[in-house]
């Protein structure tokens, strides 16, 4: 077996960190930036974090994490987010404040790393971070509120059923948020992609409430839960919830229902198609016809 060669840039990075030359350390990892993203790939950033944890004494980790998080460089901010997830126990207030700032950054990739780092901290320090997540939901930046969606996904754990209620209470707030960034990440991803898989029955209870609320945004999110892969395990529940929403004449709602039904048709056409053909005969026909169109085109 050919031995794995340790990259030279990683040695340079580690030596610079150990010597306290953070600018040189940043230059080392930035040398790995790709033309496509403009930042170092994820694997290199994770390798840099491991190297930092090996090279730095624990007492230097917080200041190093904050230095990278506060730099103008996108690579530095992303690395800073990962380091803050490690240094959090030593300076929780500073770490959360820095992550909140990164979650609202102008660079989408930085925001993504900040949300993921918040999820790591949320998972490891759930009770401490829960009030912080509630506070982030009141932030004026939709990007910070959207970061709660990402963090929620990181903290969801089927082996920790006691988390279902608190996480779903966050989702209840997110489901009513009309901001585009929040909307795109709540029903389809945070709820359908994570909570429905980890806590199915509790999640379906909340989704039913959203569907019955009459609130356009919550109805939209209730429908979009069923475009997620986890909905394939809940065909009957999905059809029941979507049936109640299918007669809604608000375009965003019935279009969302149509999108969800298209997914369910692909997953289980034998069960779903006959049901939708019956819908064509009443006021549920708009989303039903949208979903059935793909069947006739095959």
C-alpha atoms as a PDB file:
ATOM      1  CA  UNK A   1       0.000   0.000   0.000  1.00  0.00           C
ATOM      2  CA  UNK A   2       1.358   3.421  -0.988  1.00  0.00           C
ATOM      3  CA  UNK A   3       1.855   5.584   2.113  1.00  0.00           C
ATOM      4  CA  UNK A   4      -0.236   8.760   2.316  1.00  0.00           C
ATOM      5  CA  UNK A   5       1.987  11.769   1.840  1.00  0.00           C
ATOM      6  CA  UNK A   6       1.350  14.568   4.298  1.00  0.00           C
ATOM      7  CA  UNK A   7       0.774  17.809   2.366  1.00  0.00           C
ATOM      8  CA  UNK A   8       3.480  20.422   2.780  1.00  0.00           C
ATOM      9  CA  UNK A   9       0.983  23.249   3.268  1.00  0.00           C
ATOM     10  CA  UNK A  10      -0.341  21.512   6.395  1.00  0.00           C
ATOM     11  CA  UNK A  11       3.124  21.420   7.946  1.00  0.00           C
ATOM     12  CA  UNK A  12       3.567  25.095   7.113  1.00  0.00           C
ATOM     13  CA  UNK A  13       0.172  25.869   8.615  1.00  0.00           C
ATOM     14  CA  UNK A  14       0.878  23.976  11.819  1.00  0.00           C
ATOM     15  CA  UNK A  15       4.355  25.427  12.283  1.00  0.00           C
ATOM     16  CA  UNK A  16       3.051  28.953  11.763  1.00  0.00           C
ATOM     17  CA  UNK A  17       0.269  28.397  14.305  1.00  0.00           C
ATOM     18  CA  UNK A  18       2.712  27.040  16.851  1.00  0.00           C
ATOM     19  CA  UNK A  19       4.937  30.066  16.324  1.00  0.00           C
ATOM     20  CA  UNK A  20       1.987  32.443  16.747  1.00  0.00           C
ATOM     21  CA  UNK A  21       2.192  33.700  13.148  1.00  0.00           C
ATOM     22  CA  UNK A  22      -1.496  33.558  12.243  1.00  0.00           C
ATOM     23  CA  UNK A  23      -1.042  35.524   9.028  1.00  0.00           C
ATOM     24  CA  UNK A  24       1.416  32.897   7.769  1.00  0.00           C
ATOM     25  CA  UNK A  25      -0.960  30.129   8.849  1.00  0.00           C
ATOM     26  CA  UNK A  26      -3.756  31.762   6.880  1.00  0.00           C
ATOM     27  CA  UNK A  27      -1.551  32.107   3.792  1.00  0.00           C
ATOM     28  CA  UNK A  28      -0.786  28.395   4.017  1.00  0.00           C
ATOM     29  CA  UNK A  29      -4.408  27.280   3.943  1.00  0.00           C
ATOM     30  CA  UNK A  30      -5.386  29.931   1.408  1.00  0.00           C
ATOM     31  CA  UNK A  31      -2.813  28.389  -0.932  1.00  0.00           C
ATOM     32  CA  UNK A  32      -5.322  25.536  -1.242  1.00  0.00           C
ATOM     33  CA  UNK A  33      -8.187  27.741  -2.429  1.00  0.00           C
ATOM     34  CA  UNK A  34      -9.909  26.502  -5.583  1.00  0.00           C
ATOM     35  CA  UNK A  35     -10.734  28.706  -8.546  1.00  0.00           C
ATOM     36  CA  UNK A  36     -14.366  27.579  -8.378  1.00  0.00           C
ATOM     37  CA  UNK A  37     -15.156  28.402  -4.740  1.00  0.00           C
ATOM     38  CA  UNK A  38     -12.362  30.854  -3.993  1.00  0.00           C
ATOM     39  CA  UNK A  39     -11.782  29.128  -0.644  1.00  0.00           C
ATOM     40  CA  UNK A  40      -9.985  25.999   0.505  1.00  0.00           C
ATOM     41  CA  UNK A  41     -11.993  22.760   0.135  1.00  0.00           C
ATOM     42  CA  UNK A  42     -13.847  21.361   3.136  1.00  0.00           C
ATOM     43  CA  UNK A  43     -11.364  18.509   3.637  1.00  0.00           C
ATOM     44  CA  UNK A  44      -8.478  20.958   3.898  1.00  0.00           C
ATOM     45  CA  UNK A  45     -10.341  23.133   6.397  1.00  0.00           C
ATOM     46  CA  UNK A  46     -11.106  20.114   8.557  1.00  0.00           C
ATOM     47  CA  UNK A  47      -7.490  18.975   8.348  1.00  0.00           C
ATOM     48  CA  UNK A  48      -6.420  22.470   9.437  1.00  0.00           C
ATOM     49  CA  UNK A  49      -8.680  22.273  12.496  1.00  0.00           C
ATOM     50  CA  UNK A  50      -7.201  18.912  13.497  1.00  0.00           C
ATOM     51  CA  UNK A  51      -3.734  20.358  13.064  1.00  0.00           C
ATOM     52  CA  UNK A  52      -4.638  23.382  15.187  1.00  0.00           C
ATOM     53  CA  UNK A  53      -5.923  21.142  17.972  1.00  0.00           C
ATOM     54  CA  UNK A  54      -2.643  19.215  17.909  1.00  0.00           C
ATOM     55  CA  UNK A  55      -0.340  22.221  17.726  1.00  0.00           C
ATOM     56  CA  UNK A  56      -2.015  24.742  20.015  1.00  0.00           C
ATOM     57  CA  UNK A  57      -2.173  24.628  23.796  1.00  0.00           C
ATOM     58  CA  UNK A  58      -5.786  24.795  24.967  1.00  0.00           C
ATOM     59  CA  UNK A  59      -5.427  28.312  26.354  1.00  0.00           C
ATOM     60  CA  UNK A  60      -4.512  29.702  22.908  1.00  0.00           C
ATOM     61  CA  UNK A  61      -7.455  28.147  21.062  1.00  0.00           C
ATOM     62  CA  UNK A  62     -10.091  30.832  21.851  1.00  0.00           C
ATOM     63  CA  UNK A  63      -7.969  33.781  20.705  1.00  0.00           C
ATOM     64  CA  UNK A  64      -6.949  31.879  17.569  1.00  0.00           C
ATOM     65  CA  UNK A  65     -10.557  31.005  16.731  1.00  0.00           C
ATOM     66  CA  UNK A  66     -11.643  34.627  17.212  1.00  0.00           C
ATOM     67  CA  UNK A  67      -8.756  35.915  15.097  1.00  0.00           C
ATOM     68  CA  UNK A  68      -9.738  33.747  12.146  1.00  0.00           C
ATOM     69  CA  UNK A  69     -13.462  34.441  12.642  1.00  0.00           C
ATOM     70  CA  UNK A  70     -12.805  38.193  12.614  1.00  0.00           C
ATOM     71  CA  UNK A  71     -10.631  38.240   9.481  1.00  0.00           C
ATOM     72  CA  UNK A  72     -11.849  39.579   6.127  1.00  0.00           C
ATOM     73  CA  UNK A  73     -10.876  36.375   4.308  1.00  0.00           C
ATOM     74  CA  UNK A  74     -13.727  33.941   3.615  1.00  0.00           C
ATOM     75  CA  UNK A  75     -11.410  30.970   4.194  1.00  0.00           C
ATOM     76  CA  UNK A  76     -10.365  32.461   7.538  1.00  0.00           C
ATOM     77  CA  UNK A  77     -14.000  32.950   8.587  1.00  0.00           C
ATOM     78  CA  UNK A  78     -14.914  29.397   7.656  1.00  0.00           C
ATOM     79  CA  UNK A  79     -11.933  28.033   9.552  1.00  0.00           C
ATOM     80  CA  UNK A  80     -12.819  30.350  12.421  1.00  0.00           C
ATOM     81  CA  UNK A  81     -16.336  28.910  12.567  1.00  0.00           C
ATOM     82  CA  UNK A  82     -14.958  25.382  12.869  1.00  0.00           C
ATOM     83  CA  UNK A  83     -12.474  26.445  15.549  1.00  0.00           C
ATOM     84  CA  UNK A  84     -15.214  28.205  17.517  1.00  0.00           C
ATOM     85  CA  UNK A  85     -17.097  24.910  17.692  1.00  0.00           C
ATOM     86  CA  UNK A  86     -14.016  23.509  19.443  1.00  0.00           C
ATOM     87  CA  UNK A  87     -13.228  26.487  21.656  1.00  0.00           C
ATOM     88  CA  UNK A  88     -16.824  27.148  22.767  1.00  0.00           C
ATOM     89  CA  UNK A  89     -16.495  25.684  26.303  1.00  0.00           C
ATOM     90  CA  UNK A  90     -13.652  28.106  27.102  1.00  0.00           C
ATOM     91  CA  UNK A  91     -15.491  31.272  26.026  1.00  0.00           C
ATOM     92  CA  UNK A  92     -19.169  30.493  25.364  1.00  0.00           C
ATOM     93  CA  UNK A  93     -20.460  34.067  25.115  1.00  0.00           C
ATOM     94  CA  UNK A  94     -17.734  35.221  22.747  1.00  0.00           C
ATOM     95  CA  UNK A  95     -17.982  32.087  20.642  1.00  0.00           C
ATOM     96  CA  UNK A  96     -21.755  32.349  20.162  1.00  0.00           C
ATOM     97  CA  UNK A  97     -21.528  36.080  19.414  1.00  0.00           C
ATOM     98  CA  UNK A  98     -18.846  35.459  16.781  1.00  0.00           C
ATOM     99  CA  UNK A  99     -20.852  32.640  15.194  1.00  0.00           C
ATOM    100  CA  UNK A 100     -23.936  34.839  15.084  1.00  0.00           C
ATOM    101  CA  UNK A 101     -21.960  37.464  13.200  1.00  0.00           C
ATOM    102  CA  UNK A 102     -20.649  34.840  10.770  1.00  0.00           C
ATOM    103  CA  UNK A 103     -24.171  33.461  10.298  1.00  0.00           C
ATOM    104  CA  UNK A 104     -25.167  36.868   8.894  1.00  0.00           C
ATOM    105  CA  UNK A 105     -22.079  37.226   6.690  1.00  0.00           C
ATOM    106  CA  UNK A 106     -22.422  38.445   3.099  1.00  0.00           C
ATOM    107  CA  UNK A 107     -20.691  35.278   1.812  1.00  0.00           C
ATOM    108  CA  UNK A 108     -23.106  32.332   1.519  1.00  0.00           C
ATOM    109  CA  UNK A 109     -20.363  29.756   2.105  1.00  0.00           C
ATOM    110  CA  UNK A 110     -19.314  31.460   5.344  1.00  0.00           C
ATOM    111  CA  UNK A 111     -22.958  31.428   6.466  1.00  0.00           C
ATOM    112  CA  UNK A 112     -23.151  27.701   5.745  1.00  0.00           C
ATOM    113  CA  UNK A 113     -20.082  26.917   7.829  1.00  0.00           C
ATOM    114  CA  UNK A 114     -21.348  29.112  10.652  1.00  0.00           C
ATOM    115  CA  UNK A 115     -24.685  27.301  10.726  1.00  0.00           C
ATOM    116  CA  UNK A 116     -22.962  23.919  10.723  1.00  0.00           C
ATOM    117  CA  UNK A 117     -20.639  25.006  13.539  1.00  0.00           C
ATOM    118  CA  UNK A 118     -23.635  26.242  15.524  1.00  0.00           C
ATOM    119  CA  UNK A 119     -25.175  22.806  15.017  1.00  0.00           C
ATOM    120  CA  UNK A 120     -22.077  21.108  16.427  1.00  0.00           C
ATOM    121  CA  UNK A 121     -22.229  23.291  19.525  1.00  0.00           C
ATOM    122  CA  UNK A 122     -26.007  22.879  19.836  1.00  0.00           C
ATOM    123  CA  UNK A 123     -25.622  19.112  19.711  1.00  0.00           C
ATOM    124  CA  UNK A 124     -22.840  19.044  22.326  1.00  0.00           C
ATOM    125  CA  UNK A 125     -24.309  21.687  24.664  1.00  0.00           C
ATOM    126  CA  UNK A 126     -28.016  21.450  23.981  1.00  0.00           C
ATOM    127  CA  UNK A 127     -29.494  22.988  27.124  1.00  0.00           C
ATOM    128  CA  UNK A 128     -27.022  25.883  27.099  1.00  0.00           C
ATOM    129  CA  UNK A 129     -27.530  26.724  23.433  1.00  0.00           C
ATOM    130  CA  UNK A 130     -31.320  26.357  23.214  1.00  0.00           C
ATOM    131  CA  UNK A 131     -31.973  29.867  24.639  1.00  0.00           C
ATOM    132  CA  UNK A 132     -29.384  31.273  22.212  1.00  0.00           C
ATOM    133  CA  UNK A 133     -31.194  29.686  19.286  1.00  0.00           C
ATOM    134  CA  UNK A 134     -34.463  31.213  20.474  1.00  0.00           C
ATOM    135  CA  UNK A 135     -32.721  34.570  20.570  1.00  0.00           C
ATOM    136  CA  UNK A 136     -31.330  34.096  17.040  1.00  0.00           C
ATOM    137  CA  UNK A 137     -34.908  33.632  15.827  1.00  0.00           C
ATOM    138  CA  UNK A 138     -35.521  37.272  16.766  1.00  0.00           C
ATOM    139  CA  UNK A 139     -32.549  38.562  14.793  1.00  0.00           C
ATOM    140  CA  UNK A 140     -33.346  41.108  12.086  1.00  0.00           C
ATOM    141  CA  UNK A 141     -31.163  39.185   9.616  1.00  0.00           C
ATOM    142  CA  UNK A 142     -32.948  36.394   7.779  1.00  0.00           C
ATOM    143  CA  UNK A 143     -29.554  34.739   7.391  1.00  0.00           C
ATOM    144  CA  UNK A 144     -29.122  34.449  11.160  1.00  0.00           C
ATOM    145  CA  UNK A 145     -32.651  33.086  11.514  1.00  0.00           C
ATOM    146  CA  UNK A 146     -31.930  30.646   8.717  1.00  0.00           C
ATOM    147  CA  UNK A 147     -28.841  29.463  10.630  1.00  0.00           C
ATOM    148  CA  UNK A 148     -31.230  28.112  13.269  1.00  0.00           C
ATOM    149  CA  UNK A 149     -32.575  25.725  10.603  1.00  0.00           C
ATOM    150  CA  UNK A 150     -29.054  24.402  10.031  1.00  0.00           C
ATOM    151  CA  UNK A 151     -28.214  24.230  13.732  1.00  0.00           C
ATOM    152  CA  UNK A 152     -31.498  22.438  14.468  1.00  0.00           C
ATOM    153  CA  UNK A 153     -30.552  19.737  11.981  1.00  0.00           C
ATOM    154  CA  UNK A 154     -27.217  19.267  13.721  1.00  0.00           C
ATOM    155  CA  UNK A 155     -28.862  18.829  17.123  1.00  0.00           C
ATOM    156  CA  UNK A 156     -31.630  16.422  16.060  1.00  0.00           C
ATOM    157  CA  UNK A 157     -30.883  12.945  17.399  1.00  0.00           C
ATOM    158  CA  UNK A 158     -33.277   9.994  17.486  1.00  0.00           C
ATOM    159  CA  UNK A 159     -31.396   8.658  20.523  1.00  0.00           C
ATOM    160  CA  UNK A 160     -32.368  11.824  22.412  1.00  0.00           C
ATOM    161  CA  UNK A 161     -36.182  11.874  22.268  1.00  0.00           C
ATOM    162  CA  UNK A 162     -36.302  14.588  24.934  1.00  0.00           C
ATOM    163  CA  UNK A 163     -35.045  17.046  22.317  1.00  0.00           C
ATOM    164  CA  UNK A 164     -38.115  16.663  20.106  1.00  0.00           C
ATOM    165  CA  UNK A 165     -40.268  19.218  21.944  1.00  0.00           C
ATOM    166  CA  UNK A 166     -37.670  22.017  22.156  1.00  0.00           C
ATOM    167  CA  UNK A 167     -36.556  21.531  18.556  1.00  0.00           C
ATOM    168  CA  UNK A 168     -40.118  21.501  17.274  1.00  0.00           C
ATOM    169  CA  UNK A 169     -40.828  24.686  19.228  1.00  0.00           C
ATOM    170  CA  UNK A 170     -38.037  26.320  17.216  1.00  0.00           C
ATOM    171  CA  UNK A 171     -39.546  24.877  14.046  1.00  0.00           C
ATOM    172  CA  UNK A 172     -42.938  26.348  14.991  1.00  0.00           C
ATOM    173  CA  UNK A 173     -41.411  29.833  14.842  1.00  0.00           C
ATOM    174  CA  UNK A 174     -39.441  29.123  11.668  1.00  0.00           C
ATOM    175  CA  UNK A 175     -42.558  27.786   9.918  1.00  0.00           C
ATOM    176  CA  UNK A 176     -44.226  31.189  10.142  1.00  0.00           C
ATOM    177  CA  UNK A 177     -41.198  33.168   8.921  1.00  0.00           C
ATOM    178  CA  UNK A 178     -41.817  34.456   5.361  1.00  0.00           C
ATOM    179  CA  UNK A 179     -38.188  35.427   4.620  1.00  0.00           C
ATOM    180  CA  UNK A 180     -36.965  33.597   1.531  1.00  0.00           C
ATOM    181  CA  UNK A 181     -33.801  32.171   3.128  1.00  0.00           C
ATOM    182  CA  UNK A 182     -35.749  30.829   6.097  1.00  0.00           C
ATOM    183  CA  UNK A 183     -38.622  29.548   3.979  1.00  0.00           C
ATOM    184  CA  UNK A 184     -36.390  27.491   1.688  1.00  0.00           C
ATOM    185  CA  UNK A 185     -34.716  25.747   4.618  1.00  0.00           C
ATOM    186  CA  UNK A 186     -37.568  25.090   7.058  1.00  0.00           C
ATOM    187  CA  UNK A 187     -40.201  22.687   5.668  1.00  0.00           C
ATOM    188  CA  UNK A 188     -38.119  20.819   3.080  1.00  0.00           C
ATOM    189  CA  UNK A 189     -34.871  20.549   5.062  1.00  0.00           C
ATOM    190  CA  UNK A 190     -34.978  21.279   8.806  1.00  0.00           C
ATOM    191  CA  UNK A 191     -38.379  19.636   9.292  1.00  0.00           C
ATOM    192  CA  UNK A 192     -38.747  17.161   6.430  1.00  0.00           C
ATOM    193  CA  UNK A 193     -35.050  16.387   6.155  1.00  0.00           C
ATOM    194  CA  UNK A 194     -34.225  16.090   9.858  1.00  0.00           C
ATOM    195  CA  UNK A 195     -37.070  16.241  12.376  1.00  0.00           C
ATOM    196  CA  UNK A 196     -39.445  13.980  10.447  1.00  0.00           C
ATOM    197  CA  UNK A 197     -36.738  11.322  10.304  1.00  0.00           C
ATOM    198  CA  UNK A 198     -35.690  11.616  13.949  1.00  0.00           C
ATOM    199  CA  UNK A 199     -39.046  12.294  15.652  1.00  0.00           C
ATOM    200  CA  UNK A 200     -41.752  11.252  13.163  1.00  0.00           C
ATOM    201  CA  UNK A 201     -44.895  11.207  15.286  1.00  0.00           C
ATOM    202  CA  UNK A 202     -44.190  14.417  17.188  1.00  0.00           C
ATOM    203  CA  UNK A 203     -43.212  16.152  13.946  1.00  0.00           C
ATOM    204  CA  UNK A 204     -46.377  15.061  12.147  1.00  0.00           C
ATOM    205  CA  UNK A 205     -48.459  16.464  15.014  1.00  0.00           C
ATOM    206  CA  UNK A 206     -46.870  19.880  14.508  1.00  0.00           C
ATOM    207  CA  UNK A 207     -47.205  19.678  10.718  1.00  0.00           C
ATOM    208  CA  UNK A 208     -50.924  18.940  11.095  1.00  0.00           C
ATOM    209  CA  UNK A 209     -51.279  22.057  13.252  1.00  0.00           C
ATOM    210  CA  UNK A 210     -49.508  24.174  10.653  1.00  0.00           C
ATOM    211  CA  UNK A 211     -51.768  22.804   7.933  1.00  0.00           C
ATOM    212  CA  UNK A 212     -54.879  23.639   9.981  1.00  0.00           C
ATOM    213  CA  UNK A 213     -53.688  27.099  11.017  1.00  0.00           C
ATOM    214  CA  UNK A 214     -54.835  28.968   7.917  1.00  0.00           C
ATOM    215  CA  UNK A 215     -51.549  30.895   7.943  1.00  0.00           C
ATOM    216  CA  UNK A 216     -50.177  30.897   4.411  1.00  0.00           C
ATOM    217  CA  UNK A 217     -46.543  30.438   5.391  1.00  0.00           C
ATOM    218  CA  UNK A 218     -47.268  27.615   7.823  1.00  0.00           C
ATOM    219  CA  UNK A 219     -49.505  25.909   5.275  1.00  0.00           C
ATOM    220  CA  UNK A 220     -46.738  26.196   2.678  1.00  0.00           C
ATOM    221  CA  UNK A 221     -44.216  24.644   5.077  1.00  0.00           C
ATOM    222  CA  UNK A 222     -46.639  21.874   6.042  1.00  0.00           C
ATOM    223  CA  UNK A 223     -46.888  20.876   2.394  1.00  0.00           C
ATOM    224  CA  UNK A 224     -43.168  21.189   1.666  1.00  0.00           C
ATOM    225  CA  UNK A 225     -42.274  18.775   4.458  1.00  0.00           C
ATOM    226  CA  UNK A 226     -43.415  16.062   2.052  1.00  0.00           C
ATOM    227  CA  UNK A 227     -40.874  16.841  -0.663  1.00  0.00           C
ATOM    228  CA  UNK A 228     -38.175  15.437   1.659  1.00  0.00           C
ATOM    229  CA  UNK A 229     -36.951  11.857   1.335  1.00  0.00           C
ATOM    230  CA  UNK A 230     -38.215  10.984   4.818  1.00  0.00           C
ATOM    231  CA  UNK A 231     -41.807  11.473   3.639  1.00  0.00           C
ATOM    232  CA  UNK A 232     -41.618   8.183   1.728  1.00  0.00           C
ATOM    233  CA  UNK A 233     -42.206   6.487   5.085  1.00  0.00           C
ATOM    234  CA  UNK A 234     -45.363   8.514   5.718  1.00  0.00           C
ATOM    235  CA  UNK A 235     -47.396   8.287   2.522  1.00  0.00           C
ATOM    236  CA  UNK A 236     -50.780   7.946   4.234  1.00  0.00           C
ATOM    237  CA  UNK A 237     -50.130  10.786   6.671  1.00  0.00           C
ATOM    238  CA  UNK A 238     -48.830  12.910   3.830  1.00  0.00           C
ATOM    239  CA  UNK A 239     -51.897  12.348   1.670  1.00  0.00           C
ATOM    240  CA  UNK A 240     -54.216  13.147   4.582  1.00  0.00           C
ATOM    241  CA  UNK A 241     -52.430  16.415   5.373  1.00  0.00           C
ATOM    242  CA  UNK A 242     -52.072  17.411   1.723  1.00  0.00           C
ATOM    243  CA  UNK A 243     -55.721  16.604   1.041  1.00  0.00           C
ATOM    244  CA  UNK A 244     -56.740  19.274   3.520  1.00  0.00           C
ATOM    245  CA  UNK A 245     -54.407  21.800   1.893  1.00  0.00           C
ATOM    246  CA  UNK A 246     -55.174  20.907  -1.725  1.00  0.00           C
ATOM    247  CA  UNK A 247     -58.344  23.013  -1.891  1.00  0.00           C
ATOM    248  CA  UNK A 248     -56.474  26.149  -0.749  1.00  0.00           C
ATOM    249  CA  UNK A 249     -56.666  28.675  -3.584  1.00  0.00           C
ATOM    250  CA  UNK A 250     -53.608  30.668  -2.544  1.00  0.00           C
ATOM    251  CA  UNK A 251     -51.107  29.956  -5.276  1.00  0.00           C
ATOM    252  CA  UNK A 252     -48.037  29.395  -3.039  1.00  0.00           C
ATOM    253  CA  UNK A 253     -49.972  26.817  -1.035  1.00  0.00           C
ATOM    254  CA  UNK A 254     -51.453  24.749  -3.838  1.00  0.00           C
ATOM    255  CA  UNK A 255     -48.189  24.879  -5.764  1.00  0.00           C
ATOM    256  CA  UNK A 256     -46.380  23.538  -2.683  1.00  0.00           C
ATOM    257  CA  UNK A 257     -49.003  20.798  -2.396  1.00  0.00           C
ATOM    258  CA  UNK A 258     -48.444  19.954  -6.072  1.00  0.00           C
ATOM    259  CA  UNK A 259     -44.679  19.702  -5.520  1.00  0.00           C
ATOM    260  CA  UNK A 260     -45.167  17.399  -2.538  1.00  0.00           C
ATOM    261  CA  UNK A 261     -47.631  15.217  -4.432  1.00  0.00           C
ATOM    262  CA  UNK A 262     -45.195  14.866  -7.329  1.00  0.00           C
ATOM    263  CA  UNK A 263     -42.643  13.472  -4.902  1.00  0.00           C
ATOM    264  CA  UNK A 264     -45.152  11.064  -3.361  1.00  0.00           C
ATOM    265  CA  UNK A 265     -46.278   9.898  -6.817  1.00  0.00           C
ATOM    266  CA  UNK A 266     -42.672   8.982  -7.620  1.00  0.00           C
ATOM    267  CA  UNK A 267     -42.270   7.139  -4.326  1.00  0.00           C
ATOM    268  CA  UNK A 268     -45.480   5.117  -4.386  1.00  0.00           C
ATOM    269  CA  UNK A 269     -47.535   5.560  -7.569  1.00  0.00           C
ATOM    270  CA  UNK A 270     -49.770   2.558  -6.867  1.00  0.00           C
ATOM    271  CA  UNK A 271     -51.124   4.181  -3.708  1.00  0.00           C
ATOM    272  CA  UNK A 272     -50.943   7.836  -4.665  1.00  0.00           C
ATOM    273  CA  UNK A 273     -52.146   7.990  -8.279  1.00  0.00           C
ATOM    274  CA  UNK A 274     -55.646   6.503  -7.656  1.00  0.00           C
ATOM    275  CA  UNK A 275     -56.112   8.913  -4.747  1.00  0.00           C
ATOM    276  CA  UNK A 276     -55.196  11.911  -6.881  1.00  0.00           C
ATOM    277  CA  UNK A 277     -57.495  10.854  -9.708  1.00  0.00           C
ATOM    278  CA  UNK A 278     -60.364  11.122  -7.235  1.00  0.00           C
ATOM    279  CA  UNK A 279     -59.190  14.630  -6.332  1.00  0.00           C
ATOM    280  CA  UNK A 280     -59.608  15.681  -9.970  1.00  0.00           C
ATOM    281  CA  UNK A 281     -63.365  15.538  -9.430  1.00  0.00           C
ATOM    282  CA  UNK A 282     -63.501  18.178  -6.683  1.00  0.00           C
ATOM    283  CA  UNK A 283     -61.850  21.376  -5.495  1.00  0.00           C
ATOM    284  CA  UNK A 284     -58.495  19.614  -4.960  1.00  0.00           C
ATOM    285  CA  UNK A 285     -57.956  19.247  -8.696  1.00  0.00           C
ATOM    286  CA  UNK A 286     -55.320  21.991  -9.189  1.00  0.00           C
ATOM    287  CA  UNK A 287     -52.433  20.364  -7.283  1.00  0.00           C
ATOM    288  CA  UNK A 288     -53.646  16.869  -8.241  1.00  0.00           C
ATOM    289  CA  UNK A 289     -53.470  17.684 -11.946  1.00  0.00           C
ATOM    290  CA  UNK A 290     -50.020  19.212 -11.457  1.00  0.00           C
ATOM    291  CA  UNK A 291     -48.751  16.006  -9.868  1.00  0.00           C
ATOM    292  CA  UNK A 292     -50.482  13.651 -12.309  1.00  0.00           C
ATOM    293  CA  UNK A 293     -49.086  15.492 -15.317  1.00  0.00           C
ATOM    294  CA  UNK A 294     -45.751  13.779 -14.824  1.00  0.00           C
ATOM    295  CA  UNK A 295     -47.445  10.381 -14.870  1.00  0.00           C
ATOM    296  CA  UNK A 296     -49.003  11.025 -18.290  1.00  0.00           C
ATOM    297  CA  UNK A 297     -45.667  12.336 -19.607  1.00  0.00           C
ATOM    298  CA  UNK A 298     -43.789   9.124 -18.784  1.00  0.00           C
END
